[in-house]
Protein backbone atom coordinates (compact mmCIF):
# COMPACT_ATOMS: atom_id res chain seq x y z
CA MET A 1 -0.02 0.06 0.17
CA ILE A 2 1.40 3.51 -0.86
CA ALA A 3 1.04 6.21 2.28
CA TYR A 4 2.20 9.60 2.38
CA GLU A 5 4.15 10.84 5.46
CA PHE A 6 3.61 14.31 6.52
CA TYR A 7 6.30 15.90 8.21
CA ILE A 8 6.30 19.79 9.56
CA ARG A 9 9.64 21.86 10.05
CA ASP A 10 10.60 22.88 13.21
CA PRO A 11 14.07 24.76 13.49
CA LYS A 12 14.36 24.61 16.96
CA LYS A 13 13.02 20.72 17.49
CA GLY A 14 13.91 19.62 14.17
CA ASP A 15 11.63 18.08 11.88
CA ARG A 16 8.33 16.36 13.84
CA LEU A 17 5.60 13.22 11.92
CA ILE A 18 2.23 14.77 12.65
CA GLY A 19 0.66 12.23 10.16
CA ILE A 20 0.21 9.27 7.77
CA LEU A 21 -2.72 9.29 5.53
CA PRO A 22 -2.52 6.24 2.37
CA GLU A 23 -2.96 6.49 -1.20
CA ARG A 24 -6.34 5.51 -1.80
CA ARG A 25 -7.12 6.80 -5.26
CA LYS A 26 -7.28 4.10 -8.59
CA ASP A 27 -6.93 7.04 -11.06
CA SER A 28 -3.39 7.50 -10.97
CA SER A 29 -4.33 10.34 -13.00
CA ARG A 30 -5.70 12.63 -10.01
CA ILE A 31 -2.42 11.83 -7.36
CA THR A 32 -0.59 16.05 -7.96
CA GLU A 33 1.76 16.95 -5.93
CA GLU A 34 -1.37 19.62 -5.45
CA SER A 35 -3.73 17.55 -3.87
CA ILE A 36 -1.54 15.22 -1.90
CA MET A 37 -1.27 18.49 -0.35
CA HIS A 38 -4.59 19.48 -0.50
CA TRP A 39 -5.48 16.08 1.03
CA VAL A 40 -3.45 16.84 4.44
CA GLU A 41 -5.17 20.50 4.61
CA ASN A 42 -8.52 18.91 4.70
CA ILE A 43 -7.87 16.29 7.15
CA LEU A 44 -5.36 18.22 9.69
CA GLY A 45 -6.97 21.48 8.74
CA ARG A 46 -6.30 24.34 6.75
CA SER A 47 -3.99 26.37 9.99
CA ILE A 48 -1.10 24.53 9.33
CA ASN A 49 0.88 26.31 6.59
CA GLY A 50 1.58 24.61 3.44
CA GLU A 51 5.44 25.87 3.50
CA GLU A 52 6.38 23.97 6.50
CA VAL A 53 4.75 20.43 5.97
CA TYR A 54 6.12 17.97 3.49
CA TYR A 55 5.35 14.43 2.89
CA ILE A 56 7.50 11.07 1.84
CA LYS A 57 6.14 8.88 -0.28
CA VAL A 58 6.73 5.47 1.08
CA ARG A 59 5.02 2.00 1.22
CA ILE A 60 3.24 -0.03 3.58
CA ASP A 61 3.42 -3.59 3.58
CA GLU A 62 0.34 -5.05 4.30
CA ASP A 63 1.36 -7.97 6.09
CA SER A 64 3.68 -7.03 8.17
CA GLY A 65 3.23 -3.24 8.85
CA GLU A 66 7.07 -2.33 7.70
CA VAL A 67 7.29 1.19 6.35
CA LEU A 68 9.35 1.08 4.06
CA LYS A 69 11.05 5.13 2.28
CA LEU A 70 10.69 5.23 -1.72
CA ASP A 71 13.09 7.43 -3.98
CA PRO A 72 14.60 9.94 -2.75
CA SER A 73 12.66 11.54 -6.05
CA SER A 74 9.02 10.97 -4.38
CA PHE A 75 9.93 13.52 -1.21
CA ASN A 76 8.48 17.24 -2.04
CA GLN A 77 10.11 19.48 0.65
CA ASN A 78 9.38 22.58 -0.55
């Protein structure tokens, strides 16, 4: 299963994981960087500043639950 780990930048304490959302859309043409960031805004609230939030695309093994980081090109670090 593909998912996105969302982080918020915190210059004092270091970046913090704020949530993991699974990708459930079947039509991959609908999956864009903008749609992913809009999605997290809807879930976590509009108070999240898009410039301070980034995501990493991951794969979750459905049997073990292990989270595997994908290719670094899947990082969105604005």
